[in-house]
């Protein structure tokens, strides 16, 4: 969850490039998935919660890919807002663990 919170903060700041932001999002999503799967394997989290988190993380990664591909500033801002919303959603799911 800490990684997701840091990513959300990063999305709210001025960043170097959309490609770097998208890559950071991929890394954070992968790390969150690994942590959730470890907790599931230890029996601390239900399978359905891990599945929901993975679903939201995948959507966030897709939104960040769209941020990376955005050409117009308006489209970039819309996609970035959507990615931030997905990140907040992932934080909520992860906090329920």
PDB file of N, CA and C in Angstrom:
ATOM      1  N   UNK A   1       0.822  -1.187   0.000  1.00  0.00           N
ATOM      2  CA  UNK A   1       0.000   0.000   0.000  1.00  0.00           C
ATOM      3  C   UNK A   1       0.871   1.258   0.000  1.00  0.00           C
ATOM      4  N   UNK A   2       2.015   1.194   0.680  1.00  0.00           N
ATOM      5  CA  UNK A   2       2.907   2.359   0.729  1.00  0.00           C
ATOM      6  C   UNK A   2       3.382   2.755  -0.665  1.00  0.00           C
ATOM      7  N   UNK A   3       3.676   1.739  -1.476  1.00  0.00           N
ATOM      8  CA  UNK A   3       4.131   2.007  -2.837  1.00  0.00           C
ATOM      9  C   UNK A   3       3.049   2.725  -3.637  1.00  0.00           C
ATOM     10  N   UNK A   4       1.815   2.288  -3.460  1.00  0.00           N
ATOM     11  CA  UNK A   4       0.701   2.893  -4.189  1.00  0.00           C
ATOM     12  C   UNK A   4       0.488   4.343  -3.757  1.00  0.00           C
ATOM     13  N   UNK A   5       0.635   4.610  -2.460  1.00  0.00           N
ATOM     14  CA  UNK A   5       0.491   5.980  -1.979  1.00  0.00           C
ATOM     15  C   UNK A   5       1.579   6.882  -2.550  1.00  0.00           C
ATOM     16  N   UNK A   6       2.793   6.364  -2.618  1.00  0.00           N
ATOM     17  CA  UNK A   6       3.896   7.150  -3.204  1.00  0.00           C
ATOM     18  C   UNK A   6       3.647   7.412  -4.693  1.00  0.00           C
ATOM     19  N   UNK A   7       3.108   6.400  -5.385  1.00  0.00           N
ATOM     20  CA  UNK A   7       2.807   6.579  -6.801  1.00  0.00           C
ATOM     21  C   UNK A   7       1.735   7.646  -6.989  1.00  0.00           C
ATOM     22  N   UNK A   8       0.722   7.630  -6.146  1.00  0.00           N
ATOM     23  CA  UNK A   8      -0.328   8.644  -6.250  1.00  0.00           C
ATOM     24  C   UNK A   8       0.256  10.040  -6.033  1.00  0.00           C
ATOM     25  N   UNK A   9       1.166  10.169  -5.059  1.00  0.00           N
ATOM     26  CA  UNK A   9       1.836  11.448  -4.841  1.00  0.00           C
ATOM     27  C   UNK A   9       2.618  11.868  -6.078  1.00  0.00           C
ATOM     28  N   UNK A  10       3.329  10.914  -6.677  1.00  0.00           N
ATOM     29  CA  UNK A  10       4.126  11.184  -7.866  1.00  0.00           C
ATOM     30  C   UNK A  10       3.240  11.671  -9.018  1.00  0.00           C
ATOM     31  N   UNK A  11       2.058  11.073  -9.151  1.00  0.00           N
ATOM     32  CA  UNK A  11       1.149  11.482 -10.220  1.00  0.00           C
ATOM     33  C   UNK A  11       0.669  12.921 -10.039  1.00  0.00           C
ATOM     34  N   UNK A  12       0.654  13.396  -8.798  1.00  0.00           N
ATOM     35  CA  UNK A  12       0.215  14.761  -8.536  1.00  0.00           C
ATOM     36  C   UNK A  12       1.309  15.794  -8.718  1.00  0.00           C
ATOM     37  N   UNK A  13       2.533  15.354  -8.919  1.00  0.00           N
ATOM     38  CA  UNK A  13       3.670  16.271  -9.056  1.00  0.00           C
ATOM     39  C   UNK A  13       4.044  16.450 -10.519  1.00  0.00           C
ATOM     40  N   UNK A  14       4.897  17.429 -10.745  1.00  0.00           N
ATOM     41  CA  UNK A  14       5.509  17.576 -12.071  1.00  0.00           C
ATOM     42  C   UNK A  14       6.499  16.444 -12.206  1.00  0.00           C
ATOM     43  N   UNK A  15       6.460  15.759 -13.313  1.00  0.00           N
ATOM     44  CA  UNK A  15       7.339  14.614 -13.506  1.00  0.00           C
ATOM     45  C   UNK A  15       8.143  14.813 -14.781  1.00  0.00           C
ATOM     46  N   UNK A  16       9.227  14.045 -14.903  1.00  0.00           N
ATOM     47  CA  UNK A  16      10.133  14.184 -16.032  1.00  0.00           C
ATOM     48  C   UNK A  16       9.489  13.867 -17.362  1.00  0.00           C
ATOM     49  N   UNK A  17       8.878  12.714 -17.454  1.00  0.00           N
ATOM     50  CA  UNK A  17       8.229  12.332 -18.704  1.00  0.00           C
ATOM     51  C   UNK A  17       7.116  11.345 -18.408  1.00  0.00           C
ATOM     52  N   UNK A  18       6.200  11.255 -19.330  1.00  0.00           N
ATOM     53  CA  UNK A  18       5.095  10.313 -19.165  1.00  0.00           C
ATOM     54  C   UNK A  18       5.599   8.877 -19.235  1.00  0.00           C
ATOM     55  N   UNK A  19       6.667   8.653 -19.994  1.00  0.00           N
ATOM     56  CA  UNK A  19       7.230   7.302 -20.090  1.00  0.00           C
ATOM     57  C   UNK A  19       7.786   6.854 -18.735  1.00  0.00           C
ATOM     58  N   UNK A  20       8.451   7.757 -18.030  1.00  0.00           N
ATOM     59  CA  UNK A  20       8.977   7.425 -16.710  1.00  0.00           C
ATOM     60  C   UNK A  20       7.855   7.160 -15.716  1.00  0.00           C
ATOM     61  N   UNK A  21       6.801   7.962 -15.781  1.00  0.00           N
ATOM     62  CA  UNK A  21       5.652   7.767 -14.904  1.00  0.00           C
ATOM     63  C   UNK A  21       4.995   6.420 -15.169  1.00  0.00           C
ATOM     64  N   UNK A  22       4.833   6.076 -16.431  1.00  0.00           N
ATOM     65  CA  UNK A  22       4.232   4.787 -16.794  1.00  0.00           C
ATOM     66  C   UNK A  22       5.100   3.631 -16.307  1.00  0.00           C
ATOM     67  N   UNK A  23       6.407   3.752 -16.441  1.00  0.00           N
ATOM     68  CA  UNK A  23       7.319   2.697 -15.985  1.00  0.00           C
ATOM     69  C   UNK A  23       7.261   2.559 -14.469  1.00  0.00           C
ATOM     70  N   UNK A  24       7.230   3.680 -13.771  1.00  0.00           N
ATOM     71  CA  UNK A  24       7.119   3.634 -12.307  1.00  0.00           C
ATOM     72  C   UNK A  24       5.807   2.963 -11.901  1.00  0.00           C
ATOM     73  N   UNK A  25       4.736   3.255 -12.625  1.00  0.00           N
ATOM     74  CA  UNK A  25       3.448   2.625 -12.350  1.00  0.00           C
ATOM     75  C   UNK A  25       3.496   1.120 -12.539  1.00  0.00           C
ATOM     76  N   UNK A  26       4.175   0.676 -13.584  1.00  0.00           N
ATOM     77  CA  UNK A  26       4.324  -0.770 -13.829  1.00  0.00           C
ATOM     78  C   UNK A  26       5.072  -1.437 -12.687  1.00  0.00           C
ATOM     79  N   UNK A  27       6.140  -0.808 -12.242  1.00  0.00           N
ATOM     80  CA  UNK A  27       6.956  -1.374 -11.167  1.00  0.00           C
ATOM     81  C   UNK A  27       6.158  -1.446  -9.871  1.00  0.00           C
ATOM     82  N   UNK A  28       5.446  -0.370  -9.552  1.00  0.00           N
ATOM     83  CA  UNK A  28       4.642  -0.335  -8.332  1.00  0.00           C
ATOM     84  C   UNK A  28       3.533  -1.387  -8.389  1.00  0.00           C
ATOM     85  N   UNK A  29       2.873  -1.504  -9.525  1.00  0.00           N
ATOM     86  CA  UNK A  29       1.792  -2.485  -9.668  1.00  0.00           C
ATOM     87  C   UNK A  29       2.326  -3.905  -9.488  1.00  0.00           C
ATOM     88  N   UNK A  30       3.471  -4.187 -10.075  1.00  0.00           N
ATOM     89  CA  UNK A  30       4.061  -5.526  -9.948  1.00  0.00           C
ATOM     90  C   UNK A  30       4.414  -5.824  -8.490  1.00  0.00           C
ATOM     91  N   UNK A  31       4.988  -4.848  -7.830  1.00  0.00           N
ATOM     92  CA  UNK A  31       5.356  -5.020  -6.411  1.00  0.00           C
ATOM     93  C   UNK A  31       4.105  -5.243  -5.548  1.00  0.00           C
ATOM     94  N   UNK A  32       3.053  -4.473  -5.796  1.00  0.00           N
ATOM     95  CA  UNK A  32       1.808  -4.629  -5.039  1.00  0.00           C
ATOM     96  C   UNK A  32       1.203  -6.005  -5.279  1.00  0.00           C
ATOM     97  N   UNK A  33       1.244  -6.472  -6.522  1.00  0.00           N
ATOM     98  CA  UNK A  33       0.748  -7.820  -6.835  1.00  0.00           C
ATOM     99  C   UNK A  33       1.522  -8.884  -6.068  1.00  0.00           C
ATOM    100  N   UNK A  34       2.843  -8.764  -6.074  1.00  0.00           N
ATOM    101  CA  UNK A  34       3.690  -9.734  -5.375  1.00  0.00           C
ATOM    102  C   UNK A  34       3.374  -9.766  -3.884  1.00  0.00           C
ATOM    103  N   UNK A  35       3.241  -8.593  -3.281  1.00  0.00           N
ATOM    104  CA  UNK A  35       2.922  -8.515  -1.851  1.00  0.00           C
ATOM    105  C   UNK A  35       1.565  -9.153  -1.558  1.00  0.00           C
ATOM    106  N   UNK A  36       0.571  -8.862  -2.388  1.00  0.00           N
ATOM    107  CA  UNK A  36      -0.770  -9.412  -2.193  1.00  0.00           C
ATOM    108  C   UNK A  36      -0.759 -10.933  -2.338  1.00  0.00           C
ATOM    109  N   UNK A  37      -0.023 -11.422  -3.325  1.00  0.00           N
ATOM    110  CA  UNK A  37       0.061 -12.871  -3.529  1.00  0.00           C
ATOM    111  C   UNK A  37       0.781 -13.556  -2.373  1.00  0.00           C
ATOM    112  N   UNK A  38       1.799 -12.913  -1.814  1.00  0.00           N
ATOM    113  CA  UNK A  38       2.486 -13.468  -0.646  1.00  0.00           C
ATOM    114  C   UNK A  38       1.523 -13.556   0.542  1.00  0.00           C
ATOM    115  N   UNK A  39       0.750 -12.504   0.767  1.00  0.00           N
ATOM    116  CA  UNK A  39      -0.218 -12.514   1.864  1.00  0.00           C
ATOM    117  C   UNK A  39      -1.281 -13.591   1.648  1.00  0.00           C
ATOM    118  N   UNK A  40      -1.699 -13.759   0.395  1.00  0.00           N
ATOM    119  CA  UNK A  40      -2.676 -14.805   0.074  1.00  0.00           C
ATOM    120  C   UNK A  40      -2.097 -16.177   0.361  1.00  0.00           C
ATOM    121  N   UNK A  41      -0.864 -16.390  -0.048  1.00  0.00           N
ATOM    122  CA  UNK A  41      -0.212 -17.680   0.170  1.00  0.00           C
ATOM    123  C   UNK A  41      -0.048 -17.996   1.658  1.00  0.00           C
ATOM    124  N   UNK A  42       0.118 -16.957   2.469  1.00  0.00           N
ATOM    125  CA  UNK A  42       0.237 -17.133   3.912  1.00  0.00           C
ATOM    126  C   UNK A  42      -1.126 -17.295   4.581  1.00  0.00           C
ATOM    127  N   UNK A  43      -2.196 -17.129   3.802  1.00  0.00           N
ATOM    128  CA  UNK A  43      -3.544 -17.273   4.339  1.00  0.00           C
ATOM    129  C   UNK A  43      -4.066 -16.045   5.061  1.00  0.00           C
ATOM    130  N   UNK A  44      -3.412 -14.907   4.862  1.00  0.00           N
ATOM    131  CA  UNK A  44      -3.816 -13.678   5.548  1.00  0.00           C
ATOM    132  C   UNK A  44      -4.841 -12.873   4.763  1.00  0.00           C
ATOM    133  N   UNK A  45      -4.995 -13.183   3.477  1.00  0.00           N
ATOM    134  CA  UNK A  45      -5.904 -12.434   2.601  1.00  0.00           C
ATOM    135  C   UNK A  45      -6.694 -13.425   1.752  1.00  0.00           C
ATOM    136  N   UNK A  46      -7.953 -13.094   1.531  1.00  0.00           N
ATOM    137  CA  UNK A  46      -8.800 -13.948   0.692  1.00  0.00           C
ATOM    138  C   UNK A  46      -8.426 -13.807  -0.780  1.00  0.00           C
ATOM    139  N   UNK A  47      -8.653 -14.865  -1.513  1.00  0.00           N
ATOM    140  CA  UNK A  47      -8.362 -14.895  -2.952  1.00  0.00           C
ATOM    141  C   UNK A  47      -9.102 -13.793  -3.699  1.00  0.00           C
ATOM    142  N   UNK A  48     -10.361 -13.574  -3.335  1.00  0.00           N
ATOM    143  CA  UNK A  48     -11.168 -12.577  -4.061  1.00  0.00           C
ATOM    144  C   UNK A  48     -10.613 -11.158  -3.899  1.00  0.00           C
ATOM    145  N   UNK A  49     -10.001 -10.873  -2.738  1.00  0.00           N
ATOM    146  CA  UNK A  49      -9.417  -9.550  -2.529  1.00  0.00           C
ATOM    147  C   UNK A  49      -8.175  -9.370  -3.394  1.00  0.00           C
ATOM    148  N   UNK A  50      -7.380 -10.416  -3.493  1.00  0.00           N
ATOM    149  CA  UNK A  50      -6.187 -10.357  -4.340  1.00  0.00           C
ATOM    150  C   UNK A  50      -6.597 -10.195  -5.800  1.00  0.00           C
ATOM    151  N   UNK A  51      -7.639 -10.927  -6.204  1.00  0.00           N
ATOM    152  CA  UNK A  51      -8.145 -10.824  -7.577  1.00  0.00           C
ATOM    153  C   UNK A  51      -8.624  -9.410  -7.870  1.00  0.00           C
ATOM    154  N   UNK A  52      -9.349  -8.816  -6.923  1.00  0.00           N
ATOM    155  CA  UNK A  52      -9.844  -7.446  -7.105  1.00  0.00           C
ATOM    156  C   UNK A  52      -8.690  -6.458  -7.198  1.00  0.00           C
ATOM    157  N   UNK A  53      -7.692  -6.612  -6.339  1.00  0.00           N
ATOM    158  CA  UNK A  53      -6.535  -5.713  -6.390  1.00  0.00           C
ATOM    159  C   UNK A  53      -5.821  -5.845  -7.729  1.00  0.00           C
ATOM    160  N   UNK A  54      -5.617  -7.069  -8.195  1.00  0.00           N
ATOM    161  CA  UNK A  54      -4.946  -7.280  -9.478  1.00  0.00           C
ATOM    162  C   UNK A  54      -5.733  -6.665 -10.632  1.00  0.00           C
ATOM    163  N   UNK A  55      -7.052  -6.750 -10.552  1.00  0.00           N
ATOM    164  CA  UNK A  55      -7.901  -6.159 -11.586  1.00  0.00           C
ATOM    165  C   UNK A  55      -7.722  -4.639 -11.618  1.00  0.00           C
ATOM    166  N   UNK A  56      -7.766  -4.017 -10.467  1.00  0.00           N
ATOM    167  CA  UNK A  56      -7.625  -2.555 -10.391  1.00  0.00           C
ATOM    168  C   UNK A  56      -6.223  -2.127 -10.827  1.00  0.00           C
ATOM    169  N   UNK A  57      -5.213  -2.890 -10.427  1.00  0.00           N
ATOM    170  CA  UNK A  57      -3.842  -2.553 -10.827  1.00  0.00           C
ATOM    171  C   UNK A  57      -3.675  -2.647 -12.343  1.00  0.00           C
ATOM    172  N   UNK A  58      -4.286  -3.647 -12.953  1.00  0.00           N
ATOM    173  CA  UNK A  58      -4.205  -3.790 -14.415  1.00  0.00           C
ATOM    174  C   UNK A  58      -4.860  -2.586 -15.105  1.00  0.00           C
ATOM    175  N   UNK A  59      -6.006  -2.166 -14.588  1.00  0.00           N
ATOM    176  CA  UNK A  59      -6.673  -0.986 -15.149  1.00  0.00           C
ATOM    177  C   UNK A  59      -5.812   0.265 -14.982  1.00  0.00           C
ATOM    178  N   UNK A  60      -5.155   0.380 -13.825  1.00  0.00           N
ATOM    179  CA  UNK A  60      -4.268   1.521 -13.600  1.00  0.00           C
ATOM    180  C   UNK A  60      -3.104   1.506 -14.587  1.00  0.00           C
ATOM    181  N   UNK A  61      -2.536   0.334 -14.822  1.00  0.00           N
ATOM    182  CA  UNK A  61      -1.442   0.216 -15.792  1.00  0.00           C
ATOM    183  C   UNK A  61      -1.911   0.608 -17.190  1.00  0.00           C
ATOM    184  N   UNK A  62      -3.120   0.210 -17.540  1.00  0.00           N
ATOM    185  CA  UNK A  62      -3.664   0.584 -18.857  1.00  0.00           C
ATOM    186  C   UNK A  62      -3.862   2.090 -18.944  1.00  0.00           C
ATOM    187  N   UNK A  63      -4.344   2.701 -17.869  1.00  0.00           N
ATOM    188  CA  UNK A  63      -4.505   4.161 -17.849  1.00  0.00           C
ATOM    189  C   UNK A  63      -3.156   4.860 -17.986  1.00  0.00           C
ATOM    190  N   UNK A  64      -2.139   4.341 -17.316  1.00  0.00           N
ATOM    191  CA  UNK A  64      -0.809   4.941 -17.421  1.00  0.00           C
ATOM    192  C   UNK A  64      -0.223   4.757 -18.820  1.00  0.00           C
ATOM    193  N   UNK A  65      -0.541   3.648 -19.472  1.00  0.00           N
ATOM    194  CA  UNK A  65      -0.105   3.464 -20.863  1.00  0.00           C
ATOM    195  C   UNK A  65      -0.770   4.511 -21.755  1.00  0.00           C
ATOM    196  N   UNK A  66      -2.018   4.834 -21.449  1.00  0.00           N
ATOM    197  CA  UNK A  66      -2.724   5.870 -22.209  1.00  0.00           C
ATOM    198  C   UNK A  66      -2.133   7.255 -21.923  1.00  0.00           C
ATOM    199  N   UNK A  67      -1.677   7.472 -20.691  1.00  0.00           N
ATOM    200  CA  UNK A  67      -0.993   8.727 -20.352  1.00  0.00           C
ATOM    201  C   UNK A  67       0.265   8.841 -21.207  1.00  0.00           C
ATOM    202  N   UNK A  68       1.001   7.758 -21.274  1.00  0.00           N
ATOM    203  CA  UNK A  68       2.248   7.734 -22.050  1.00  0.00           C
ATOM    204  C   UNK A  68       1.991   8.016 -23.527  1.00  0.00           C
ATOM    205  N   UNK A  69       0.855   7.531 -24.037  1.00  0.00           N
ATOM    206  CA  UNK A  69       0.542   7.682 -25.456  1.00  0.00           C
ATOM    207  C   UNK A  69      -0.154   9.007 -25.779  1.00  0.00           C
ATOM    208  N   UNK A  70      -0.541   9.762 -24.765  1.00  0.00           N
ATOM    209  CA  UNK A  70      -1.278  11.007 -24.994  1.00  0.00           C
ATOM    210  C   UNK A  70      -0.431  12.029 -25.728  1.00  0.00           C
ATOM    211  N   UNK A  71      -1.080  12.709 -26.652  1.00  0.00           N
ATOM    212  CA  UNK A  71      -0.405  13.749 -27.419  1.00  0.00           C
ATOM    213  C   UNK A  71      -0.872  15.119 -26.945  1.00  0.00           C
ATOM    214  N   UNK A  72      -2.177  15.292 -26.846  1.00  0.00           N
ATOM    215  CA  UNK A  72      -2.727  16.573 -26.416  1.00  0.00           C
ATOM    216  C   UNK A  72      -2.662  16.703 -24.899  1.00  0.00           C
ATOM    217  N   UNK A  73      -2.426  17.918 -24.440  1.00  0.00           N
ATOM    218  CA  UNK A  73      -2.347  18.198 -23.005  1.00  0.00           C
ATOM    219  C   UNK A  73      -3.666  17.874 -22.307  1.00  0.00           C
ATOM    220  N   UNK A  74      -4.766  18.180 -22.952  1.00  0.00           N
ATOM    221  CA  UNK A  74      -6.093  17.907 -22.373  1.00  0.00           C
ATOM    222  C   UNK A  74      -6.301  16.402 -22.168  1.00  0.00           C
ATOM    223  N   UNK A  75      -5.951  15.629 -23.175  1.00  0.00           N
ATOM    224  CA  UNK A  75      -6.076  14.165 -23.080  1.00  0.00           C
ATOM    225  C   UNK A  75      -5.154  13.625 -21.998  1.00  0.00           C
ATOM    226  N   UNK A  76      -3.938  14.150 -21.934  1.00  0.00           N
ATOM    227  CA  UNK A  76      -2.979  13.746 -20.914  1.00  0.00           C
ATOM    228  C   UNK A  76      -3.559  13.966 -19.523  1.00  0.00           C
ATOM    229  N   UNK A  77      -4.122  15.136 -19.284  1.00  0.00           N
ATOM    230  CA  UNK A  77      -4.689  15.443 -17.968  1.00  0.00           C
ATOM    231  C   UNK A  77      -5.858  14.532 -17.623  1.00  0.00           C
ATOM    232  N   UNK A  78      -6.721  14.250 -18.599  1.00  0.00           N
ATOM    233  CA  UNK A  78      -7.857  13.356 -18.357  1.00  0.00           C
ATOM    234  C   UNK A  78      -7.373  11.953 -17.999  1.00  0.00           C
ATOM    235  N   UNK A  79      -6.420  11.445 -18.751  1.00  0.00           N
ATOM    236  CA  UNK A  79      -5.890  10.095 -18.496  1.00  0.00           C
ATOM    237  C   UNK A  79      -5.153  10.023 -17.161  1.00  0.00           C
ATOM    238  N   UNK A  80      -4.454  11.095 -16.835  1.00  0.00           N
ATOM    239  CA  UNK A  80      -3.732  11.140 -15.568  1.00  0.00           C
ATOM    240  C   UNK A  80      -4.711  11.132 -14.395  1.00  0.00           C
ATOM    241  N   UNK A  81      -5.789  11.877 -14.520  1.00  0.00           N
ATOM    242  CA  UNK A  81      -6.812  11.877 -13.468  1.00  0.00           C
ATOM    243  C   UNK A  81      -7.427  10.491 -13.308  1.00  0.00           C
ATOM    244  N   UNK A  82      -7.674   9.818 -14.426  1.00  0.00           N
ATOM    245  CA  UNK A  82      -8.232   8.469 -14.379  1.00  0.00           C
ATOM    246  C   UNK A  82      -7.251   7.511 -13.709  1.00  0.00           C
ATOM    247  N   UNK A  83      -5.969   7.622 -14.036  1.00  0.00           N
ATOM    248  CA  UNK A  83      -4.948   6.766 -13.430  1.00  0.00           C
ATOM    249  C   UNK A  83      -4.853   7.027 -11.924  1.00  0.00           C
ATOM    250  N   UNK A  84      -4.949   8.291 -11.520  1.00  0.00           N
ATOM    251  CA  UNK A  84      -4.919   8.619 -10.097  1.00  0.00           C
ATOM    252  C   UNK A  84      -6.125   8.027  -9.378  1.00  0.00           C
ATOM    253  N   UNK A  85      -7.282   8.070 -10.017  1.00  0.00           N
ATOM    254  CA  UNK A  85      -8.486   7.487  -9.415  1.00  0.00           C
ATOM    255  C   UNK A  85      -8.322   5.981  -9.240  1.00  0.00           C
ATOM    256  N   UNK A  86      -7.747   5.320 -10.226  1.00  0.00           N
ATOM    257  CA  UNK A  86      -7.505   3.867 -10.119  1.00  0.00           C
ATOM    258  C   UNK A  86      -6.488   3.573  -9.017  1.00  0.00           C
ATOM    259  N   UNK A  87      -5.497   4.420  -8.881  1.00  0.00           N
ATOM    260  CA  UNK A  87      -4.501   4.235  -7.835  1.00  0.00           C
ATOM    261  C   UNK A  87      -5.157   4.364  -6.461  1.00  0.00           C
ATOM    262  N   UNK A  88      -6.019   5.362  -6.294  1.00  0.00           N
ATOM    263  CA  UNK A  88      -6.739   5.514  -5.031  1.00  0.00           C
ATOM    264  C   UNK A  88      -7.630   4.306  -4.763  1.00  0.00           C
ATOM    265  N   UNK A  89      -8.251   3.787  -5.818  1.00  0.00           N
ATOM    266  CA  UNK A  89      -9.086   2.593  -5.685  1.00  0.00           C
ATOM    267  C   UNK A  89      -8.231   1.399  -5.232  1.00  0.00           C
ATOM    268  N   UNK A  90      -7.056   1.252  -5.810  1.00  0.00           N
ATOM    269  CA  UNK A  90      -6.153   0.174  -5.422  1.00  0.00           C
ATOM    270  C   UNK A  90      -5.714   0.333  -3.963  1.00  0.00           C
ATOM    271  N   UNK A  91      -5.492   1.562  -3.535  1.00  0.00           N
ATOM    272  CA  UNK A  91      -5.119   1.822  -2.144  1.00  0.00           C
ATOM    273  C   UNK A  91      -6.245   1.382  -1.211  1.00  0.00           C
ATOM    274  N   UNK A  92      -7.477   1.690  -1.586  1.00  0.00           N
ATOM    275  CA  UNK A  92      -8.619   1.282  -0.766  1.00  0.00           C
ATOM    276  C   UNK A  92      -8.721  -0.238  -0.669  1.00  0.00           C
ATOM    277  N   UNK A  93      -8.540  -0.918  -1.795  1.00  0.00           N
ATOM    278  CA  UNK A  93      -8.593  -2.381  -1.776  1.00  0.00           C
ATOM    279  C   UNK A  93      -7.454  -2.933  -0.919  1.00  0.00           C
ATOM    280  N   UNK A  94      -6.253  -2.396  -1.105  1.00  0.00           N
ATOM    281  CA  UNK A  94      -5.097  -2.889  -0.346  1.00  0.00           C
ATOM    282  C   UNK A  94      -5.247  -2.600   1.146  1.00  0.00           C
ATOM    283  N   UNK A  95      -5.855  -1.492   1.488  1.00  0.00           N
ATOM    284  CA  UNK A  95      -6.014  -1.154   2.914  1.00  0.00           C
ATOM    285  C   UNK A  95      -7.013  -2.076   3.600  1.00  0.00           C
ATOM    286  N   UNK A  96      -7.853  -2.741   2.828  1.00  0.00           N
ATOM    287  CA  UNK A  96      -8.811  -3.685   3.425  1.00  0.00           C
ATOM    288  C   UNK A  96      -8.159  -5.016   3.773  1.00  0.00           C
ATOM    289  N   UNK A  97      -6.904  -5.189   3.393  1.00  0.00           N
ATOM    290  CA  UNK A  97      -6.161  -6.409   3.747  1.00  0.00           C
ATOM    291  C   UNK A  97      -5.885  -6.358   5.217  1.00  0.00           C
TER     292      UNK A  97
END
